[in-house]
Amino acid sequence: MEIPLVEIAQFLGCEIEGDKNAVISGVAALDKAQCGDLSFYVHQRYTNQIKQSKATAFIISAKDKEQFTSCTVIISPNPYRDFAKVISKWFNTFIPPDPNVHPTTIIGNNVEIGENCSIGAYCVIEDGVKVGLNTILFPFCYIGKNTVLGDNCILHPRVTLLDRVIVGNRVIFHSGSVVGGDGFGFAPDPPEGYFKIPQIGWVEIADDVEIQCNATIDRGMLGATRIGRGSKIDNLVQIAHNVEIGEHSVIVSQVGISGSSKVGNWVTLAGQVGLVGHIKIGNGTTVTAQSGVAKSIPPNMVVTGSPAQPIAKNRRALAEMNRISVLRKKIAELENRLSSLEQPDK
């Protein structure tokens, strides 16, 4: 495949500086690019790779032009996004299957399947399910009773959506994800042990959400667990009953969110963050990796540590901790001097 760079620039709505007759045949990172490849630059940490890169052209921001004076570039307001758009249009390896319902599929009563859907081998679709237009279920997916799938959804192999899951349009579920399982609810009942609390709620997932491999989202005990429009949930994330996640939030791998907590819009929870139950994370807040959040966080904060606190405060605390050994040594010296002063003259 050979694509004129002019065509790419027109697709992106951007301008070219340099060789407008360049032709692109592939995409690659700066340090791996060869002649014919399109690459991109977004951060100064990759500055050393620019001169060694063999890419034919680069997508860059206007502020970085001086570093590419001898190169052919596309000037973009968002190079990373536009590079992704190029991959999606010309180099995407995902090939949707043809519309079809495989003969091994088991379909219950009162099921509605929209036009142009593809239902793979050994899928199970229970009673009362509704599947929207152009939706794809790869093999071995399970859809529980009265679940609703919107249009243009993709369920990769072995996705499980249990009863009463409501899914919007263009939602992607990756392999092994489980949505709608019981919340972790048990009432202490000594001396017998614990009495299981029935989890009679449901899960609502809005448009354009993506849920990665082996993530789990529990249904509400009463009412809904909600995932807002455009949010992205990474591998191995656990979202408990009645959690509400706002729009366009990013929940990174191995995060655990306890029951009834609320996460705002445009929030980032980095890897291995833990949230206790019944707290709120404000819009625009970032929680750094491995932080433990024990209380609500206001909007537009960056917090870190366990317990999580504003990042500047945490850094000051760490600096003070690093001074402890020096202070202990000084205290020991003062004690020795004081002890010598207190000794009676011989």
Protein backbone atom coordinates (compact mmCIF):
# COMPACT_ATOMS: atom_id res chain seq x y z
CA MET A 1 0.00 0.00 0.00
CA GLU A 2 1.30 3.43 -0.97
CA ILE A 3 -0.49 6.57 0.21
CA PRO A 4 0.43 10.07 -0.96
CA LEU A 5 1.34 12.20 2.02
CA VAL A 6 -0.91 14.92 0.60
CA GLU A 7 -3.88 12.55 0.95
CA ILE A 8 -3.00 11.90 4.59
CA ALA A 9 -2.68 15.62 5.32
CA GLN A 10 -6.03 16.33 3.67
CA PHE A 11 -7.65 13.57 5.72
CA LEU A 12 -6.28 15.12 8.91
CA GLY A 13 -7.02 18.70 7.85
CA CYS A 14 -3.36 19.62 8.37
CA GLU A 15 -0.57 21.29 6.38
CA ILE A 16 2.61 19.71 5.01
CA GLU A 17 6.03 21.33 5.24
CA GLY A 18 8.71 19.71 3.09
CA ASP A 19 8.29 17.19 0.28
CA LYS A 20 4.64 17.29 -0.74
CA ASN A 21 5.27 14.44 -3.20
CA ALA A 22 6.27 12.00 -0.45
CA VAL A 23 4.57 8.62 -0.39
CA ILE A 24 3.86 6.60 2.77
CA SER A 25 3.82 2.79 2.89
CA GLY A 26 3.87 2.13 6.63
CA VAL A 27 3.84 3.53 10.17
CA ALA A 28 6.43 3.10 12.90
CA ALA A 29 7.93 4.57 16.05
CA LEU A 30 10.77 7.08 15.66
CA ASP A 31 13.54 4.62 16.45
CA LYS A 32 12.10 1.79 14.33
CA ALA A 33 10.97 3.76 11.26
CA GLN A 34 12.41 3.04 7.82
CA CYS A 35 12.17 4.80 4.48
CA GLY A 36 8.50 4.98 3.51
CA ASP A 37 7.26 5.07 7.10
CA LEU A 38 5.28 7.82 8.79
CA SER A 39 6.18 8.50 12.42
CA PHE A 40 5.25 11.09 15.05
CA TYR A 41 6.85 13.15 17.82
CA VAL A 42 5.16 14.32 21.01
CA HIS A 43 7.69 14.54 23.83
CA GLN A 44 11.19 15.88 24.40
CA ARG A 45 12.31 12.55 25.86
CA TYR A 46 12.44 11.31 22.25
CA THR A 47 14.50 14.23 20.92
CA ASN A 48 17.63 12.10 20.53
CA GLN A 49 15.75 9.74 18.22
CA ILE A 50 14.85 12.44 15.70
CA LYS A 51 18.22 12.68 13.93
CA GLN A 52 18.61 8.90 13.76
CA SER A 53 15.09 8.24 12.51
CA LYS A 54 14.79 7.06 8.90
CA ALA A 55 11.09 7.93 8.60
CA THR A 56 9.95 9.59 5.39
CA ALA A 57 7.68 12.02 7.25
CA PHE A 58 6.62 12.95 10.76
CA ILE A 59 3.46 14.25 12.40
CA ILE A 60 4.50 16.97 14.83
CA SER A 61 3.11 20.00 16.64
CA ALA A 62 3.87 23.55 15.52
CA LYS A 63 6.01 24.22 18.59
CA ASP A 64 8.44 21.43 17.59
CA LYS A 65 9.07 22.63 14.01
CA GLU A 66 12.58 23.90 14.74
CA GLN A 67 13.73 20.35 15.52
CA PHE A 68 12.59 19.10 12.10
CA THR A 69 13.93 21.83 9.79
CA SER A 70 15.35 19.33 7.28
CA CYS A 71 12.45 16.88 7.45
CA THR A 72 9.07 16.49 5.81
CA VAL A 73 6.38 17.05 8.43
CA ILE A 74 2.64 17.30 8.90
CA ILE A 75 1.83 20.07 11.39
CA SER A 76 -0.89 18.89 13.75
CA PRO A 77 -2.60 20.32 16.84
CA ASN A 78 -2.58 16.79 18.30
CA PRO A 79 0.12 14.56 16.75
CA TYR A 80 -0.59 11.47 18.85
CA ARG A 81 -4.31 11.51 18.04
CA ASP A 82 -3.73 12.18 14.35
CA PHE A 83 -1.14 9.40 14.10
CA ALA A 84 -3.77 7.07 15.59
CA LYS A 85 -6.29 8.29 13.02
CA VAL A 86 -3.89 7.41 10.21
CA ILE A 87 -3.40 3.91 11.61
CA SER A 88 -7.15 3.46 12.01
CA LYS A 89 -7.89 4.48 8.41
CA TRP A 90 -5.08 2.82 6.46
CA PHE A 91 -3.20 0.33 8.65
CA ASN A 92 -5.75 -1.16 11.05
CA THR A 93 -5.36 -4.96 11.24
CA PHE A 94 -8.86 -5.58 12.65
CA ILE A 95 -11.06 -7.23 10.01
CA PRO A 96 -14.71 -7.57 11.07
CA PRO A 97 -16.34 -10.90 10.27
CA ASP A 98 -19.14 -11.12 7.75
CA PRO A 99 -22.70 -10.80 9.12
CA ASN A 100 -23.83 -14.25 10.18
CA VAL A 101 -25.29 -16.26 13.06
CA HIS A 102 -23.22 -19.40 13.52
CA PRO A 103 -25.29 -22.60 13.67
CA THR A 104 -23.80 -23.55 17.05
CA THR A 105 -25.17 -20.39 18.68
CA ILE A 106 -27.84 -20.99 21.33
CA ILE A 107 -30.56 -18.34 21.26
CA GLY A 108 -33.31 -18.07 23.90
CA ASN A 109 -36.87 -16.82 23.64
CA ASN A 110 -37.90 -13.28 22.70
CA VAL A 111 -34.43 -12.36 21.49
CA GLU A 112 -34.04 -9.47 19.05
CA ILE A 113 -30.94 -9.35 16.86
CA GLY A 114 -30.43 -6.32 14.63
CA GLU A 115 -29.36 -6.29 11.02
CA ASN A 116 -25.79 -7.02 9.92
CA CYS A 117 -24.77 -8.66 13.19
CA SER A 118 -22.14 -11.39 13.43
CA ILE A 119 -22.66 -14.03 16.13
CA GLY A 120 -19.71 -16.42 16.41
CA ALA A 121 -19.51 -20.10 17.24
CA TYR A 122 -20.83 -21.37 20.59
CA CYS A 123 -22.24 -18.07 21.77
CA VAL A 124 -25.16 -18.25 24.21
CA ILE A 125 -27.84 -15.56 24.11
CA GLU A 126 -30.44 -15.89 26.86
CA ASP A 127 -34.12 -14.91 26.91
CA GLY A 128 -35.14 -11.32 26.32
CA VAL A 129 -31.81 -10.10 24.96
CA LYS A 130 -31.71 -7.24 22.44
CA VAL A 131 -28.71 -6.84 20.14
CA GLY A 132 -28.36 -3.67 18.07
CA LEU A 133 -27.28 -3.14 14.47
CA ASN A 134 -23.84 -4.19 13.21
CA THR A 135 -22.80 -5.70 16.54
CA ILE A 136 -20.17 -8.46 16.62
CA LEU A 137 -20.00 -11.34 19.10
CA PHE A 138 -16.89 -13.43 18.64
CA PRO A 139 -16.98 -17.13 19.68
CA PHE A 140 -17.89 -18.29 23.19
CA CYS A 141 -19.57 -15.09 24.37
CA TYR A 142 -22.40 -15.30 26.91
CA ILE A 143 -25.23 -12.76 27.08
CA GLY A 144 -27.53 -13.03 30.12
CA LYS A 145 -31.27 -12.53 30.36
CA ASN A 146 -32.76 -9.15 29.44
CA THR A 147 -29.41 -7.66 28.56
CA VAL A 148 -29.42 -4.91 25.92
CA LEU A 149 -26.54 -4.34 23.49
CA GLY A 150 -26.48 -1.18 21.38
CA ASP A 151 -25.34 -0.68 17.79
CA ASN A 152 -21.80 -1.31 16.52
CA CYS A 153 -20.57 -3.06 19.66
CA ILE A 154 -17.73 -5.60 19.60
CA LEU A 155 -17.46 -8.50 22.05
CA HIS A 156 -14.19 -10.36 21.69
CA PRO A 157 -14.02 -14.09 22.51
CA ARG A 158 -15.25 -15.27 25.91
CA VAL A 159 -16.85 -12.05 27.06
CA THR A 160 -19.55 -12.55 29.70
CA LEU A 161 -22.42 -10.11 30.13
CA LEU A 162 -24.74 -11.44 32.81
CA ASP A 163 -28.39 -10.54 33.40
CA ARG A 164 -29.73 -7.00 33.03
CA VAL A 165 -26.68 -5.30 31.58
CA ILE A 166 -27.56 -2.23 29.51
CA VAL A 167 -24.92 -1.31 26.93
CA GLY A 168 -24.83 1.75 24.67
CA ASN A 169 -23.43 2.09 21.16
CA ARG A 170 -19.86 1.45 19.97
CA VAL A 171 -18.83 -0.29 23.17
CA ILE A 172 -15.89 -2.72 22.97
CA PHE A 173 -15.41 -5.63 25.38
CA HIS A 174 -12.12 -7.53 25.29
CA SER A 175 -11.64 -11.20 26.07
CA GLY A 176 -12.38 -12.43 29.56
CA SER A 177 -14.20 -9.33 30.75
CA VAL A 178 -17.18 -10.07 33.01
CA VAL A 179 -19.96 -7.54 33.54
CA GLY A 180 -22.93 -7.93 35.84
CA GLY A 181 -21.63 -10.44 38.39
CA ASP A 182 -22.73 -10.31 42.01
CA GLY A 183 -21.38 -7.49 44.11
CA PHE A 184 -19.34 -8.50 47.15
CA GLY A 185 -22.09 -8.16 49.73
CA PHE A 186 -22.31 -10.21 52.92
CA ALA A 187 -23.99 -9.23 56.19
CA PRO A 188 -22.20 -10.46 59.33
CA ASP A 189 -24.36 -13.09 61.01
CA PRO A 190 -22.48 -14.44 64.03
CA PRO A 191 -22.10 -17.14 65.05
CA GLU A 192 -23.31 -18.58 61.74
CA GLY A 193 -20.87 -16.58 59.59
CA TYR A 194 -22.19 -14.29 56.86
CA PHE A 195 -25.58 -13.88 55.20
CA LYS A 196 -25.32 -13.25 51.47
CA ILE A 197 -26.99 -9.99 50.42
CA PRO A 198 -28.95 -10.50 47.18
CA GLN A 199 -27.54 -8.32 44.41
CA ILE A 200 -30.70 -7.36 42.51
CA GLY A 201 -29.40 -4.31 40.61
CA TRP A 202 -27.90 -3.97 37.15
CA VAL A 203 -25.06 -2.38 35.14
CA GLU A 204 -25.32 0.54 32.70
CA ILE A 205 -22.51 1.18 30.23
CA ALA A 206 -22.78 4.32 28.08
CA ASP A 207 -21.62 4.91 24.50
CA ASP A 208 -17.98 4.59 23.37
CA VAL A 209 -16.72 2.78 26.46
CA GLU A 210 -13.90 0.23 26.07
CA ILE A 211 -13.32 -2.53 28.61
CA GLN A 212 -10.08 -4.48 28.36
CA CYS A 213 -9.24 -8.12 29.10
CA ASN A 214 -10.30 -9.71 32.39
CA ALA A 215 -11.83 -6.57 33.85
CA THR A 216 -14.84 -7.13 36.12
CA ILE A 217 -17.79 -4.83 36.78
CA ASP A 218 -20.30 -5.94 39.42
CA ARG A 219 -23.98 -5.13 39.24
CA GLY A 220 -25.53 -2.91 41.87
CA MET A 221 -26.97 -4.32 45.04
CA LEU A 222 -29.94 -1.96 44.59
CA GLY A 223 -29.93 0.18 41.47
CA ALA A 224 -27.15 0.50 38.92
CA THR A 225 -23.41 0.37 38.59
CA ARG A 226 -22.66 2.99 35.91
CA ILE A 227 -19.81 3.57 33.47
CA GLY A 228 -19.98 6.95 31.73
CA ARG A 229 -19.63 7.80 28.07
CA GLY A 230 -16.18 7.41 26.55
CA SER A 231 -14.47 5.97 29.63
CA LYS A 232 -11.71 3.39 29.19
CA ILE A 233 -11.12 0.50 31.59
CA ASP A 234 -7.85 -1.43 31.42
CA ASN A 235 -7.03 -5.09 32.05
CA LEU A 236 -7.66 -6.61 35.47
CA VAL A 237 -9.67 -3.72 36.88
CA GLN A 238 -12.28 -4.47 39.57
CA ILE A 239 -15.30 -2.16 39.79
CA ALA A 240 -17.61 -3.02 42.68
CA HIS A 241 -21.36 -2.73 43.11
CA ASN A 242 -23.02 0.68 42.68
CA VAL A 243 -19.83 2.42 41.61
CA GLU A 244 -20.40 5.33 39.24
CA ILE A 245 -17.69 6.38 36.80
CA GLY A 246 -18.16 9.61 34.86
CA GLU A 247 -17.42 10.46 31.24
CA HIS A 248 -14.03 10.04 29.56
CA SER A 249 -12.26 8.71 32.64
CA VAL A 250 -9.32 6.31 32.39
CA ILE A 251 -9.02 3.42 34.82
CA VAL A 252 -5.62 1.74 34.42
CA SER A 253 -4.66 -1.89 35.06
CA GLN A 254 -5.21 -3.50 38.48
CA VAL A 255 -7.23 -0.63 39.93
CA GLY A 256 -9.78 -1.65 42.55
CA ILE A 257 -12.80 0.58 43.26
CA SER A 258 -14.87 -0.35 46.30
CA GLY A 259 -18.64 -0.23 46.44
CA SER A 260 -20.68 2.96 45.97
CA SER A 261 -17.70 5.19 45.21
CA LYS A 262 -18.16 7.87 42.56
CA VAL A 263 -15.47 8.83 40.04
CA GLY A 264 -15.99 12.06 38.10
CA ASN A 265 -15.40 13.05 34.48
CA TRP A 266 -11.92 13.05 32.92
CA VAL A 267 -10.39 11.33 35.94
CA THR A 268 -7.26 9.17 35.66
CA LEU A 269 -6.71 6.35 38.14
CA ALA A 270 -3.23 5.00 37.39
CA GLY A 271 -2.12 1.40 37.83
CA GLN A 272 -2.88 -0.41 41.10
CA VAL A 273 -4.77 2.47 42.67
CA GLY A 274 -7.18 1.41 45.41
CA LEU A 275 -10.31 3.33 46.43
CA VAL A 276 -12.27 2.64 49.60
CA GLY A 277 -16.04 2.62 49.36
CA HIS A 278 -18.48 5.55 49.48
CA ILE A 279 -16.04 8.30 48.44
CA LYS A 280 -15.99 10.78 45.54
CA ILE A 281 -13.17 11.61 43.15
CA GLY A 282 -13.71 15.04 41.60
CA ASN A 283 -13.67 15.87 37.90
CA GLY A 284 -10.24 16.16 36.30
CA THR A 285 -8.34 14.56 39.16
CA THR A 286 -5.35 12.23 38.65
CA VAL A 287 -4.41 9.57 41.19
CA THR A 288 -0.88 8.27 40.59
CA ALA A 289 0.11 4.61 40.51
CA GLN A 290 -0.19 2.44 43.64
CA SER A 291 -1.92 5.15 45.64
CA GLY A 292 -4.47 4.26 48.30
CA VAL A 293 -7.42 6.66 48.48
CA ALA A 294 -9.22 6.65 51.82
CA LYS A 295 -11.27 9.85 51.53
CA SER A 296 -12.91 12.00 48.88
CA ILE A 297 -10.67 14.07 46.58
CA PRO A 298 -11.71 17.51 45.20
CA PRO A 299 -11.70 18.25 41.46
CA ASN A 300 -8.55 18.93 39.43
CA MET A 301 -6.09 17.51 41.94
CA VAL A 302 -3.02 15.31 41.48
CA VAL A 303 -2.68 13.01 44.47
CA THR A 304 -0.22 10.27 45.31
CA GLY A 305 0.80 7.90 48.08
CA SER A 306 -0.99 5.80 50.65
CA PRO A 307 -2.91 7.44 52.12
CA ALA A 308 -3.22 9.60 49.02
CA GLN A 309 -2.46 13.30 49.45
CA PRO A 310 -1.61 16.22 47.14
CA ILE A 311 1.56 15.42 45.26
CA ALA A 312 3.50 18.48 46.51
CA LYS A 313 2.67 17.61 50.13
CA ASN A 314 3.70 14.01 49.53
CA ARG A 315 7.04 15.07 48.09
CA ARG A 316 7.72 17.30 51.09
CA ALA A 317 6.90 14.41 53.41
CA LEU A 318 9.28 12.10 51.53
CA ALA A 319 12.00 14.73 51.70
CA GLU A 320 11.52 14.98 55.46
CA MET A 321 11.70 11.20 55.79
CA ASN A 322 15.02 11.19 53.94
CA ARG A 323 16.35 13.68 56.51
CA ILE A 324 15.51 11.45 59.47
CA SER A 325 18.84 9.57 59.44
CA VAL A 326 20.74 12.88 59.41
CA LEU A 327 18.63 14.23 62.27
CA ARG A 328 19.13 11.04 64.30
CA LYS A 329 22.89 11.39 63.91
CA LYS A 330 22.76 15.03 65.05
CA ILE A 331 20.59 14.11 68.04
CA ALA A 332 23.04 11.37 69.03
CA GLU A 333 25.92 13.87 68.85
CA LEU A 334 24.00 16.38 70.99
CA GLU A 335 23.17 13.68 73.54
CA ASN A 336 26.84 12.73 73.79
CA ARG A 337 27.86 16.35 74.25
CA LEU A 338 25.14 16.90 76.85
CA SER A 339 26.17 13.75 78.68
CA SER A 340 29.79 14.92 78.83
CA LEU A 341 28.72 18.31 80.18
CA GLU A 342 26.64 16.67 82.92
CA GLN A 343 29.53 14.50 84.17
CA PRO A 344 31.13 15.89 87.38
CA ASP A 345 34.67 17.18 87.13
CA LYS A 346 37.26 14.65 88.16
